[in-house]
C-alpha atoms as a PDB file:
ATOM      1  CA  MET A   1      68.284 115.618 109.673  1.00  0.00           C
ATOM      2  CA  SER A   2      71.342 115.781 107.413  1.00  0.00           C
ATOM      3  CA  ASN A   3      72.132 119.001 105.590  1.00  0.00           C
ATOM      4  CA  THR A   4      74.270 117.120 103.105  1.00  0.00           C
ATOM      5  CA  ALA A   5      72.807 115.725  99.836  1.00  0.00           C
ATOM      6  CA  LYS A   6      73.335 111.994  99.284  1.00  0.00           C
ATOM      7  CA  ASP A   7      74.861 112.675  95.850  1.00  0.00           C
ATOM      8  CA  SER A   8      77.410 115.162  97.219  1.00  0.00           C
ATOM      9  CA  LYS A   9      80.839 114.370  95.835  1.00  0.00           C
ATOM     10  CA  ILE A  10      83.000 113.332  98.735  1.00  0.00           C
ATOM     11  CA  TYR A  11      86.758 112.778  98.366  1.00  0.00           C
ATOM     12  CA  ILE A  12      88.378 110.567 101.050  1.00  0.00           C
ATOM     13  CA  ALA A  13      92.170 111.065 101.137  1.00  0.00           C
ATOM     14  CA  GLY A  14      93.680 107.863 102.419  1.00  0.00           C
ATOM     15  CA  HIS A  15      90.682 105.806 101.447  1.00  0.00           C
ATOM     16  CA  ARG A  16      92.542 102.462 101.545  1.00  0.00           C
ATOM     17  CA  GLY A  17      93.757 102.855 105.085  1.00  0.00           C
ATOM     18  CA  MET A  18      92.029 101.659 108.226  1.00  0.00           C
ATOM     19  CA  VAL A  19      90.238 104.899 108.924  1.00  0.00           C
ATOM     20  CA  GLY A  20      89.602 105.899 105.327  1.00  0.00           C
ATOM     21  CA  SER A  21      88.107 102.534 104.332  1.00  0.00           C
ATOM     22  CA  ALA A  22      85.895 102.566 107.467  1.00  0.00           C
ATOM     23  CA  VAL A  23      84.682 106.072 106.533  1.00  0.00           C
ATOM     24  CA  TRP A  24      83.937 104.876 103.003  1.00  0.00           C
ATOM     25  CA  ARG A  25      81.870 101.930 104.308  1.00  0.00           C
ATOM     26  CA  ALA A  26      80.017 104.202 106.733  1.00  0.00           C
ATOM     27  CA  LEU A  27      79.141 106.773 104.038  1.00  0.00           C
ATOM     28  CA  GLU A  28      77.896 104.011 101.726  1.00  0.00           C
ATOM     29  CA  ALA A  29      75.813 102.579 104.562  1.00  0.00           C
ATOM     30  CA  ASN A  30      74.245 106.019 104.961  1.00  0.00           C
ATOM     31  CA  GLY A  31      73.246 106.195 101.362  1.00  0.00           C
ATOM     32  CA  TYR A  32      76.070 108.367  99.895  1.00  0.00           C
ATOM     33  CA  THR A  33      76.564 107.507  96.200  1.00  0.00           C
ATOM     34  CA  ASN A  34      79.354 109.752  94.928  1.00  0.00           C
ATOM     35  CA  ILE A  35      82.451 108.855  96.998  1.00  0.00           C
ATOM     36  CA  ILE A  36      85.894 109.154  95.365  1.00  0.00           C
ATOM     37  CA  GLY A  37      89.405 108.140  96.305  1.00  0.00           C
ATOM     38  CA  GLU A  38      92.760 107.861  94.599  1.00  0.00           C
ATOM     39  CA  THR A  39      95.671 105.512  95.237  1.00  0.00           C
ATOM     40  CA  SER A  40      99.074 106.866  96.363  1.00  0.00           C
ATOM     41  CA  LYS A  41     100.492 105.372  93.130  1.00  0.00           C
ATOM     42  CA  ASN A  42      98.372 107.745  91.097  1.00  0.00           C
ATOM     43  CA  LEU A  43      98.372 110.693  93.487  1.00  0.00           C
ATOM     44  CA  ASP A  44     101.275 111.492  95.806  1.00  0.00           C
ATOM     45  CA  LEU A  45      99.666 113.711  98.443  1.00  0.00           C
ATOM     46  CA  ARG A  46     103.149 115.019  99.367  1.00  0.00           C
ATOM     47  CA  ASN A  47     103.317 116.684  95.925  1.00  0.00           C
ATOM     48  CA  GLN A  48     101.599 120.090  96.146  1.00  0.00           C
ATOM     49  CA  GLN A  49     100.977 120.632  92.403  1.00  0.00           C
ATOM     50  CA  ALA A  50      99.621 117.060  91.981  1.00  0.00           C
ATOM     51  CA  VAL A  51      97.144 117.691  94.824  1.00  0.00           C
ATOM     52  CA  ILE A  52      96.055 121.041  93.395  1.00  0.00           C
ATOM     53  CA  ASP A  53      95.510 119.536  89.927  1.00  0.00           C
ATOM     54  CA  PHE A  54      93.487 116.654  91.349  1.00  0.00           C
ATOM     55  CA  ILE A  55      91.208 118.875  93.442  1.00  0.00           C
ATOM     56  CA  ASN A  56      90.686 121.291  90.606  1.00  0.00           C
ATOM     57  CA  ALA A  57      89.852 118.402  88.204  1.00  0.00           C
ATOM     58  CA  GLU A  58      87.493 116.493  90.591  1.00  0.00           C
ATOM     59  CA  ARG A  59      85.846 119.522  92.323  1.00  0.00           C
ATOM     60  CA  PRO A  60      84.604 117.534  95.376  1.00  0.00           C
ATOM     61  CA  ASP A  61      81.961 119.073  97.606  1.00  0.00           C
ATOM     62  CA  ILE A  62      83.547 117.691 100.732  1.00  0.00           C
ATOM     63  CA  ILE A  63      87.053 116.474 101.529  1.00  0.00           C
ATOM     64  CA  ILE A  64      87.883 114.097 104.345  1.00  0.00           C
ATOM     65  CA  ASP A  65      91.602 113.907 105.261  1.00  0.00           C
ATOM     66  CA  ALA A  66      92.212 110.421 106.583  1.00  0.00           C
ATOM     67  CA  ALA A  67      95.711 110.272 105.021  1.00  0.00           C
ATOM     68  CA  ALA A  68      98.782 110.296 107.212  1.00  0.00           C
ATOM     69  CA  LYS A  69     102.094 108.672 107.881  1.00  0.00           C
ATOM     70  CA  VAL A  70     101.373 106.732 111.115  1.00  0.00           C
ATOM     71  CA  GLY A  71     103.160 104.349 113.423  1.00  0.00           C
ATOM     72  CA  GLY A  72     103.871 103.419 117.003  1.00  0.00           C
ATOM     73  CA  ILE A  73     106.569 104.519 119.500  1.00  0.00           C
ATOM     74  CA  LEU A  74     109.320 102.547 117.643  1.00  0.00           C
ATOM     75  CA  ALA A  75     108.619 104.091 114.234  1.00  0.00           C
ATOM     76  CA  ASN A  76     108.228 107.590 115.567  1.00  0.00           C
ATOM     77  CA  ASN A  77     111.434 107.428 117.539  1.00  0.00           C
ATOM     78  CA  GLU A  78     113.515 106.048 114.638  1.00  0.00           C
ATOM     79  CA  HIS A  79     112.095 108.190 111.818  1.00  0.00           C
ATOM     80  CA  PRO A  80     111.243 111.630 113.282  1.00  0.00           C
ATOM     81  CA  TYR A  81     111.847 113.739 110.153  1.00  0.00           C
ATOM     82  CA  PRO A  82     109.387 111.892 107.816  1.00  0.00           C
ATOM     83  CA  PHE A  83     106.800 111.741 110.591  1.00  0.00           C
ATOM     84  CA  LEU A  84     107.009 115.512 110.829  1.00  0.00           C
ATOM     85  CA  MET A  85     107.590 116.568 107.216  1.00  0.00           C
ATOM     86  CA  GLU A  86     105.451 114.033 105.314  1.00  0.00           C
ATOM     87  CA  ASN A  87     102.400 114.674 107.505  1.00  0.00           C
ATOM     88  CA  LEU A  88     102.842 118.387 107.112  1.00  0.00           C
ATOM     89  CA  GLN A  89     103.086 118.035 103.389  1.00  0.00           C
ATOM     90  CA  ILE A  90     100.031 115.782 103.078  1.00  0.00           C
ATOM     91  CA  GLN A  91      97.681 117.898 105.186  1.00  0.00           C
ATOM     92  CA  ASN A  92      98.907 121.322 104.039  1.00  0.00           C
ATOM     93  CA  ASN A  93      98.503 120.362 100.410  1.00  0.00           C
ATOM     94  CA  LEU A  94      94.968 119.110 101.014  1.00  0.00           C
ATOM     95  CA  ILE A  95      93.871 121.969 103.224  1.00  0.00           C
ATOM     96  CA  ASP A  96      95.323 124.675 101.007  1.00  0.00           C
ATOM     97  CA  ALA A  97      94.040 123.132  97.784  1.00  0.00           C
ATOM     98  CA  ALA A  98      90.589 122.789  99.349  1.00  0.00           C
ATOM     99  CA  HIS A  99      90.587 126.402 100.481  1.00  0.00           C
ATOM    100  CA  LYS A 100      91.741 127.710  97.097  1.00  0.00           C
ATOM    101  CA  ALA A 101      89.196 125.627  95.271  1.00  0.00           C
ATOM    102  CA  ASN A 102      86.542 127.145  97.556  1.00  0.00           C
ATOM    103  CA  ILE A 103      85.440 123.784  98.968  1.00  0.00           C
ATOM    104  CA  SER A 104      83.209 124.609 101.849  1.00  0.00           C
ATOM    105  CA  LYS A 105      83.508 121.513 104.043  1.00  0.00           C
ATOM    106  CA  PHE A 106      86.726 119.816 105.112  1.00  0.00           C
ATOM    107  CA  VAL A 107      87.041 117.181 107.859  1.00  0.00           C
ATOM    108  CA  PHE A 108      90.616 116.844 109.256  1.00  0.00           C
ATOM    109  CA  LEU A 109      91.473 113.746 111.214  1.00  0.00           C
ATOM    110  CA  GLY A 110      94.258 113.789 113.865  1.00  0.00           C
ATOM    111  CA  SER A 111      95.187 111.990 117.019  1.00  0.00           C
ATOM    112  CA  SER A 112      94.984 112.359 120.813  1.00  0.00           C
ATOM    113  CA  CYS A 113      98.807 112.733 120.880  1.00  0.00           C
ATOM    114  CA  ILE A 114      98.321 116.440 120.041  1.00  0.00           C
ATOM    115  CA  TYR A 115      97.665 117.011 123.743  1.00  0.00           C
ATOM    116  CA  PRO A 116     100.423 117.697 126.309  1.00  0.00           C
ATOM    117  CA  LYS A 117     102.038 114.559 127.997  1.00  0.00           C
ATOM    118  CA  PHE A 118     100.965 115.568 131.488  1.00  0.00           C
ATOM    119  CA  ALA A 119      97.692 117.330 130.698  1.00  0.00           C
ATOM    120  CA  PRO A 120      94.839 116.788 133.236  1.00  0.00           C
ATOM    121  CA  GLN A 121      92.727 113.681 132.563  1.00  0.00           C
ATOM    122  CA  PRO A 122      90.375 113.310 130.729  1.00  0.00           C
ATOM    123  CA  LEU A 123      91.799 115.392 127.923  1.00  0.00           C
ATOM    124  CA  LYS A 124      89.695 118.383 126.944  1.00  0.00           C
ATOM    125  CA  GLU A 125      89.971 120.256 123.644  1.00  0.00           C
ATOM    126  CA  GLU A 126      91.008 123.476 125.442  1.00  0.00           C
ATOM    127  CA  TYR A 127      94.179 121.699 126.790  1.00  0.00           C
ATOM    128  CA  LEU A 128      95.860 121.989 123.329  1.00  0.00           C
ATOM    129  CA  LEU A 129      99.203 123.839 123.468  1.00  0.00           C
ATOM    130  CA  THR A 130      99.123 124.275 127.224  1.00  0.00           C
ATOM    131  CA  ASP A 131     102.317 122.206 127.937  1.00  0.00           C
ATOM    132  CA  SER A 132     105.045 120.056 126.323  1.00  0.00           C
ATOM    133  CA  LEU A 133     104.279 116.943 124.277  1.00  0.00           C
ATOM    134  CA  GLU A 134     105.210 113.289 124.717  1.00  0.00           C
ATOM    135  CA  PRO A 135     108.788 113.158 123.285  1.00  0.00           C
ATOM    136  CA  THR A 136     108.386 109.760 121.617  1.00  0.00           C
ATOM    137  CA  ASN A 137     105.731 110.978 119.114  1.00  0.00           C
ATOM    138  CA  GLU A 138     106.093 114.782 119.211  1.00  0.00           C
ATOM    139  CA  TRP A 139     107.039 114.859 115.473  1.00  0.00           C
ATOM    140  CA  TYR A 140     103.700 113.443 114.441  1.00  0.00           C
ATOM    141  CA  ALA A 141     101.872 115.462 117.072  1.00  0.00           C
ATOM    142  CA  ILE A 142     103.375 118.809 115.927  1.00  0.00           C
ATOM    143  CA  ALA A 143     102.325 118.090 112.356  1.00  0.00           C
ATOM    144  CA  LYS A 144      98.746 117.310 113.477  1.00  0.00           C
ATOM    145  CA  ILE A 145      98.600 120.403 115.644  1.00  0.00           C
ATOM    146  CA  ALA A 146      99.585 122.458 112.579  1.00  0.00           C
ATOM    147  CA  GLY A 147      96.705 120.893 110.701  1.00  0.00           C
ATOM    148  CA  VAL A 148      94.226 121.659 113.506  1.00  0.00           C
ATOM    149  CA  LYS A 149      95.376 125.275 113.567  1.00  0.00           C
ATOM    150  CA  ALA A 150      95.259 125.660 109.786  1.00  0.00           C
ATOM    151  CA  CYS A 151      91.637 124.454 109.785  1.00  0.00           C
ATOM    152  CA  GLU A 152      90.871 126.790 112.636  1.00  0.00           C
ATOM    153  CA  ALA A 153      92.471 129.677 110.845  1.00  0.00           C
ATOM    154  CA  ILE A 154      90.446 129.131 107.642  1.00  0.00           C
ATOM    155  CA  ARG A 155      87.292 128.760 109.715  1.00  0.00           C
ATOM    156  CA  LYS A 156      88.108 131.969 111.600  1.00  0.00           C
ATOM    157  CA  GLN A 157      89.107 134.066 108.607  1.00  0.00           C
ATOM    158  CA  TYR A 158      86.833 132.786 105.807  1.00  0.00           C
ATOM    159  CA  GLY A 159      83.903 131.164 107.675  1.00  0.00           C
ATOM    160  CA  LYS A 160      84.316 127.824 106.038  1.00  0.00           C
ATOM    161  CA  ASP A 161      83.151 124.593 107.658  1.00  0.00           C
ATOM    162  CA  PHE A 162      86.591 123.107 108.299  1.00  0.00           C
ATOM    163  CA  VAL A 163      86.539 120.872 111.347  1.00  0.00           C
ATOM    164  CA  SER A 164      89.069 118.714 113.151  1.00  0.00           C
ATOM    165  CA  LEU A 165      88.281 115.359 114.820  1.00  0.00           C
ATOM    166  CA  MET A 166      90.830 113.912 117.234  1.00  0.00           C
ATOM    167  CA  PRO A 167      90.306 110.194 117.863  1.00  0.00           C
ATOM    168  CA  THR A 168      91.794 108.263 120.698  1.00  0.00           C
ATOM    169  CA  ASN A 169      93.719 105.011 119.898  1.00  0.00           C
ATOM    170  CA  LEU A 170      91.958 103.419 116.950  1.00  0.00           C
ATOM    171  CA  TYR A 171      91.826  99.780 116.008  1.00  0.00           C
ATOM    172  CA  GLY A 172      89.738  97.487 113.824  1.00  0.00           C
ATOM    173  CA  PRO A 173      89.610  95.900 110.347  1.00  0.00           C
ATOM    174  CA  HIS A 174      92.428  96.972 107.930  1.00  0.00           C
ATOM    175  CA  ASP A 175      94.705  97.844 110.907  1.00  0.00           C
ATOM    176  CA  ASN A 176      98.489  97.645 110.511  1.00  0.00           C
ATOM    177  CA  PHE A 177      99.874  94.393 112.023  1.00  0.00           C
ATOM    178  CA  ASP A 178     103.509  94.966 111.090  1.00  0.00           C
ATOM    179  CA  LEU A 179     105.471  94.726 114.351  1.00  0.00           C
ATOM    180  CA  LYS A 180     107.963  97.407 113.338  1.00  0.00           C
ATOM    181  CA  SER A 181     105.321 100.054 112.656  1.00  0.00           C
ATOM    182  CA  SER A 182     102.060  99.036 114.286  1.00  0.00           C
ATOM    183  CA  HIS A 183     100.322 100.473 117.311  1.00  0.00           C
ATOM    184  CA  VAL A 184      99.957  98.529 120.565  1.00  0.00           C
ATOM    185  CA  LEU A 185      96.695  96.672 120.123  1.00  0.00           C
ATOM    186  CA  PRO A 186      97.353  95.147 116.690  1.00  0.00           C
ATOM    187  CA  ALA A 187     100.957  94.411 117.593  1.00  0.00           C
ATOM    188  CA  MET A 188      99.758  92.503 120.656  1.00  0.00           C
ATOM    189  CA  MET A 189      97.193  90.606 118.666  1.00  0.00           C
ATOM    190  CA  ARG A 190      99.736  89.412 116.101  1.00  0.00           C
ATOM    191  CA  LYS A 191     102.201  88.377 118.831  1.00  0.00           C
ATOM    192  CA  PHE A 192      99.609  86.330 120.694  1.00  0.00           C
ATOM    193  CA  HIS A 193      98.364  84.802 117.461  1.00  0.00           C
ATOM    194  CA  GLU A 194     101.812  83.693 116.342  1.00  0.00           C
ATOM    195  CA  ALA A 195     102.633  82.281 119.818  1.00  0.00           C
ATOM    196  CA  LYS A 196      99.328  80.471 120.163  1.00  0.00           C
ATOM    197  CA  PRO A 197     100.320  77.119 118.552  1.00  0.00           C
ATOM    198  CA  THR A 198     103.028  76.483 121.115  1.00  0.00           C
ATOM    199  CA  ASN A 199     101.854  78.822 123.838  1.00  0.00           C
ATOM    200  CA  ALA A 200     105.314  80.306 123.789  1.00  0.00           C
ATOM    201  CA  PRO A 201     105.879  83.330 126.119  1.00  0.00           C
ATOM    202  CA  VAL A 202     105.021  86.716 124.623  1.00  0.00           C
ATOM    203  CA  GLU A 203     107.260  89.621 125.341  1.00  0.00           C
ATOM    204  CA  LEU A 204     105.646  93.082 125.504  1.00  0.00           C
ATOM    205  CA  TRP A 205     107.139  96.539 125.904  1.00  0.00           C
ATOM    206  CA  GLY A 206     107.083  98.581 129.093  1.00  0.00           C
ATOM    207  CA  SER A 207     105.546  97.905 132.509  1.00  0.00           C
ATOM    208  CA  GLY A 208     101.961  97.395 131.505  1.00  0.00           C
ATOM    209  CA  THR A 209     100.797 100.158 133.888  1.00  0.00           C
ATOM    210  CA  PRO A 210      99.967 103.001 131.425  1.00  0.00           C
ATOM    211  CA  MET A 211      96.304 103.652 130.853  1.00  0.00           C
ATOM    212  CA  ARG A 212      94.898 103.752 127.286  1.00  0.00           C
ATOM    213  CA  GLU A 213      91.572 104.320 125.672  1.00  0.00           C
ATOM    214  CA  PHE A 214      90.613 102.424 122.459  1.00  0.00           C
ATOM    215  CA  LEU A 215      87.980 103.227 119.886  1.00  0.00           C
ATOM    216  CA  HIS A 216      86.776 100.874 117.208  1.00  0.00           C
ATOM    217  CA  VAL A 217      87.403 102.416 113.772  1.00  0.00           C
ATOM    218  CA  ASP A 218      83.723 101.979 112.772  1.00  0.00           C
ATOM    219  CA  ASP A 219      82.681 104.190 115.656  1.00  0.00           C
ATOM    220  CA  MET A 220      85.250 106.748 114.417  1.00  0.00           C
ATOM    221  CA  ALA A 221      83.822 106.534 110.940  1.00  0.00           C
ATOM    222  CA  LYS A 222      80.372 107.313 112.242  1.00  0.00           C
ATOM    223  CA  ALA A 223      81.737 110.453 113.972  1.00  0.00           C
ATOM    224  CA  VAL A 224      83.158 111.520 110.509  1.00  0.00           C
ATOM    225  CA  VAL A 225      79.732 110.934 108.907  1.00  0.00           C
ATOM    226  CA  PHE A 226      78.236 113.001 111.723  1.00  0.00           C
ATOM    227  CA  ALA A 227      80.608 115.822 110.885  1.00  0.00           C
ATOM    228  CA  VAL A 228      79.770 115.479 107.165  1.00  0.00           C
ATOM    229  CA  GLU A 229      76.079 115.718 107.894  1.00  0.00           C
ATOM    230  CA  ASN A 230      76.055 118.521 110.380  1.00  0.00           C
ATOM    231  CA  THR A 231      77.552 121.980 110.678  1.00  0.00           C
ATOM    232  CA  LEU A 232      79.502 121.613 113.976  1.00  0.00           C
ATOM    233  CA  PRO A 233      79.725 124.831 116.037  1.00  0.00           C
ATOM    234  CA  GLU A 234      83.391 124.503 117.046  1.00  0.00           C
ATOM    235  CA  HIS A 235      86.596 123.681 115.118  1.00  0.00           C
ATOM    236  CA  LEU A 236      87.946 120.830 117.314  1.00  0.00           C
ATOM    237  CA  TYR A 237      86.307 117.733 118.761  1.00  0.00           C
ATOM    238  CA  ASN A 238      87.653 114.745 120.662  1.00  0.00           C
ATOM    239  CA  VAL A 239      86.380 111.301 119.635  1.00  0.00           C
ATOM    240  CA  GLY A 240      86.677 108.529 122.173  1.00  0.00           C
ATOM    241  CA  THR A 241      84.766 106.123 124.436  1.00  0.00           C
ATOM    242  CA  GLY A 242      85.345 107.879 127.741  1.00  0.00           C
ATOM    243  CA  THR A 243      86.796 104.724 129.339  1.00  0.00           C
ATOM    244  CA  ASP A 244      90.307 103.355 129.514  1.00  0.00           C
ATOM    245  CA  VAL A 245      92.178 100.230 130.586  1.00  0.00           C
ATOM    246  CA  THR A 246      95.752  99.510 131.635  1.00  0.00           C
ATOM    247  CA  ILE A 247      98.022  98.024 128.890  1.00  0.00           C
ATOM    248  CA  LYS A 248      98.271  94.942 131.106  1.00  0.00           C
ATOM    249  CA  THR A 249      94.460  94.527 131.045  1.00  0.00           C
ATOM    250  CA  LEU A 250      94.463  95.060 127.272  1.00  0.00           C
ATOM    251  CA  ALA A 251      97.055  92.380 126.841  1.00  0.00           C
ATOM    252  CA  GLU A 252      95.185  89.897 128.999  1.00  0.00           C
ATOM    253  CA  THR A 253      91.890  90.671 127.116  1.00  0.00           C
ATOM    254  CA  ILE A 254      93.562  90.052 123.741  1.00  0.00           C
ATOM    255  CA  GLN A 255      95.347  86.955 125.092  1.00  0.00           C
ATOM    256  CA  GLU A 256      92.049  85.502 126.183  1.00  0.00           C
ATOM    257  CA  ILE A 257      90.198  86.274 122.929  1.00  0.00           C
ATOM    258  CA  VAL A 258      93.061  84.907 120.760  1.00  0.00           C
ATOM    259  CA  GLY A 259      93.297  81.794 122.979  1.00  0.00           C
ATOM    260  CA  HIS A 260      97.024  81.984 123.892  1.00  0.00           C
ATOM    261  CA  LYS A 261      97.747  80.066 127.143  1.00  0.00           C
ATOM    262  CA  GLY A 262     101.445  81.025 127.699  1.00  0.00           C
ATOM    263  CA  ASP A 263     103.153  83.685 129.822  1.00  0.00           C
ATOM    264  CA  ILE A 264     103.353  87.419 129.289  1.00  0.00           C
ATOM    265  CA  VAL A 265     106.813  88.849 129.869  1.00  0.00           C
ATOM    266  CA  TRP A 266     107.078  92.626 130.305  1.00  0.00           C
ATOM    267  CA  ASP A 267     110.288  94.301 129.204  1.00  0.00           C
ATOM    268  CA  SER A 268     110.458  97.292 131.564  1.00  0.00           C
ATOM    269  CA  SER A 269     113.617  98.577 129.862  1.00  0.00           C
ATOM    270  CA  LYS A 270     111.402  99.673 126.964  1.00  0.00           C
ATOM    271  CA  PRO A 271     109.537 103.008 127.097  1.00  0.00           C
ATOM    272  CA  ASP A 272     105.946 103.233 128.384  1.00  0.00           C
ATOM    273  CA  GLY A 273     105.050 106.477 126.662  1.00  0.00           C
ATOM    274  CA  THR A 274     102.419 108.752 128.208  1.00  0.00           C
ATOM    275  CA  PRO A 275     101.227 107.501 131.622  1.00  0.00           C
ATOM    276  CA  ARG A 276      97.530 108.019 130.785  1.00  0.00           C
ATOM    277  CA  LYS A 277      95.607 109.302 127.830  1.00  0.00           C
ATOM    278  CA  LEU A 278      91.850 109.421 128.186  1.00  0.00           C
ATOM    279  CA  MET A 279      89.716 111.651 126.001  1.00  0.00           C
ATOM    280  CA  ASP A 280      86.806 113.856 127.107  1.00  0.00           C
ATOM    281  CA  SER A 281      84.454 113.452 124.175  1.00  0.00           C
ATOM    282  CA  SER A 282      81.486 115.148 125.820  1.00  0.00           C
ATOM    283  CA  LYS A 283      81.317 117.979 123.315  1.00  0.00           C
ATOM    284  CA  LEU A 284      80.682 115.712 120.386  1.00  0.00           C
ATOM    285  CA  GLU A 285      78.418 113.368 122.385  1.00  0.00           C
ATOM    286  CA  ALA A 286      76.309 116.345 123.444  1.00  0.00           C
ATOM    287  CA  LEU A 287      75.653 117.047 119.730  1.00  0.00           C
ATOM    288  CA  GLY A 288      74.436 113.460 119.108  1.00  0.00           C
ATOM    289  CA  TRP A 289      77.276 111.086 118.366  1.00  0.00           C
ATOM    290  CA  GLN A 290      77.826 107.992 120.544  1.00  0.00           C
ATOM    291  CA  PRO A 291      80.230 105.079 120.336  1.00  0.00           C
ATOM    292  CA  LYS A 292      78.723 101.624 120.040  1.00  0.00           C
ATOM    293  CA  TYR A 293      81.486  99.030 120.450  1.00  0.00           C
ATOM    294  CA  THR A 294      82.669  97.709 123.794  1.00  0.00           C
ATOM    295  CA  LEU A 295      86.422  96.896 123.836  1.00  0.00           C
ATOM    296  CA  SER A 296      85.956  93.094 124.024  1.00  0.00           C
ATOM    297  CA  LYS A 297      83.407  93.042 121.224  1.00  0.00           C
ATOM    298  CA  GLY A 298      85.689  95.260 119.125  1.00  0.00           C
ATOM    299  CA  ILE A 299      88.711  93.051 119.718  1.00  0.00           C
ATOM    300  CA  VAL A 300      86.700  89.991 118.740  1.00  0.00           C
ATOM    301  CA  ASP A 301      85.596  91.776 115.469  1.00  0.00           C
ATOM    302  CA  THR A 302      89.247  92.783 114.767  1.00  0.00           C
ATOM    303  CA  TYR A 303      90.638  89.328 115.405  1.00  0.00           C
ATOM    304  CA  ASP A 304      88.075  87.746 113.121  1.00  0.00           C
ATOM    305  CA  TRP A 305      89.133  90.090 110.452  1.00  0.00           C
ATOM    306  CA  PHE A 306      92.791  89.508 111.119  1.00  0.00           C
ATOM    307  CA  LYS A 307      92.428  85.762 110.738  1.00  0.00           C
ATOM    308  CA  ALA A 308      90.417  86.102 107.562  1.00  0.00           C
ATOM    309  CA  ASN A 309      92.628  88.645 105.867  1.00  0.00           C
ATOM    310  CA  GLN A 310      96.212  88.660 107.074  1.00  0.00           C
ATOM    311  CA  ILE A 311      98.934  86.389 105.817  1.00  0.00           C
ATOM    312  CA  ASP A 312     100.456  84.228 108.461  1.00  0.00           C
ATOM    313  CA  TYR A 313     103.906  85.730 108.661  1.00  0.00           C
ATOM    314  CA  LYS A 314     105.516  82.676 110.150  1.00  0.00           C
ATOM    315  CA  LYS A 315     103.513  80.274 107.950  1.00  0.00           C
ATOM    316  CA  ILE A 316     101.897  78.749 111.043  1.00  0.00           C
ATOM    317  CA  LYS A 317      98.852  76.595 110.309  1.00  0.00           C
ATOM    318  CA  MET A 318      96.219  77.420 112.877  1.00  0.00           C
END
């Protein structure tokens, strides 16, 4: 039974992104009627005073922080400073404004990259800060760790319901399919899609051997709704499926669903990233949340959305 009223004013920061838009849909599906968002054009979350003014004017009951500067290995490697600084600015402004406005519930969304590169598998919440990070995305990870600790500190010192949810690799409708800044699954999907008409070979980074776990964004959104509707006893929860696949298996699965018949060429001169990253989500599951999507069903859903909504970058008629 939810302890949150359906007319509670809920502000989603980053409501137009993949995660934020999924959370909005999930809240609406659960009967919430007072959801608000603001575009980056009208509200720059990196601007502290602008965030303070917005929160003070709107006075939301709940804030969900789904806003972040995100990207894959390439983007993180080439732009370390904005990945560190802009994420710090966004989350610090939101967390501090929420605290000062005495907002009692805040849901902070992060990433599994907060955990050490060679932490035991599957990743448990208590492994945070026990070893060094993966170098290719440590800038983003350090920012998100700071957000987790800020929420923990407010919870510890002031008793407010500030909670952090750390998803594994997310994918789904409204994902980023730009090859320079996207994550592995949508990048593969676009590459296979564009190569499909001629079945040209598709080149992919790395060796294909790392293991990765993937969670459909609608399952993540339901975890956020679960956090909104319940007072969770701890400050940090992993959100994943509990199963992982090799990058090679992922590529072959996407290739089959897209219908590409050509070769896959692995460029082993490119970095693999962390060897394995599997989440232990048993704490959240024990409280009542469960993922629903299988990987293949989720990829079909995402590819259907991609075909219906994405421009064809190379003007290929499918």
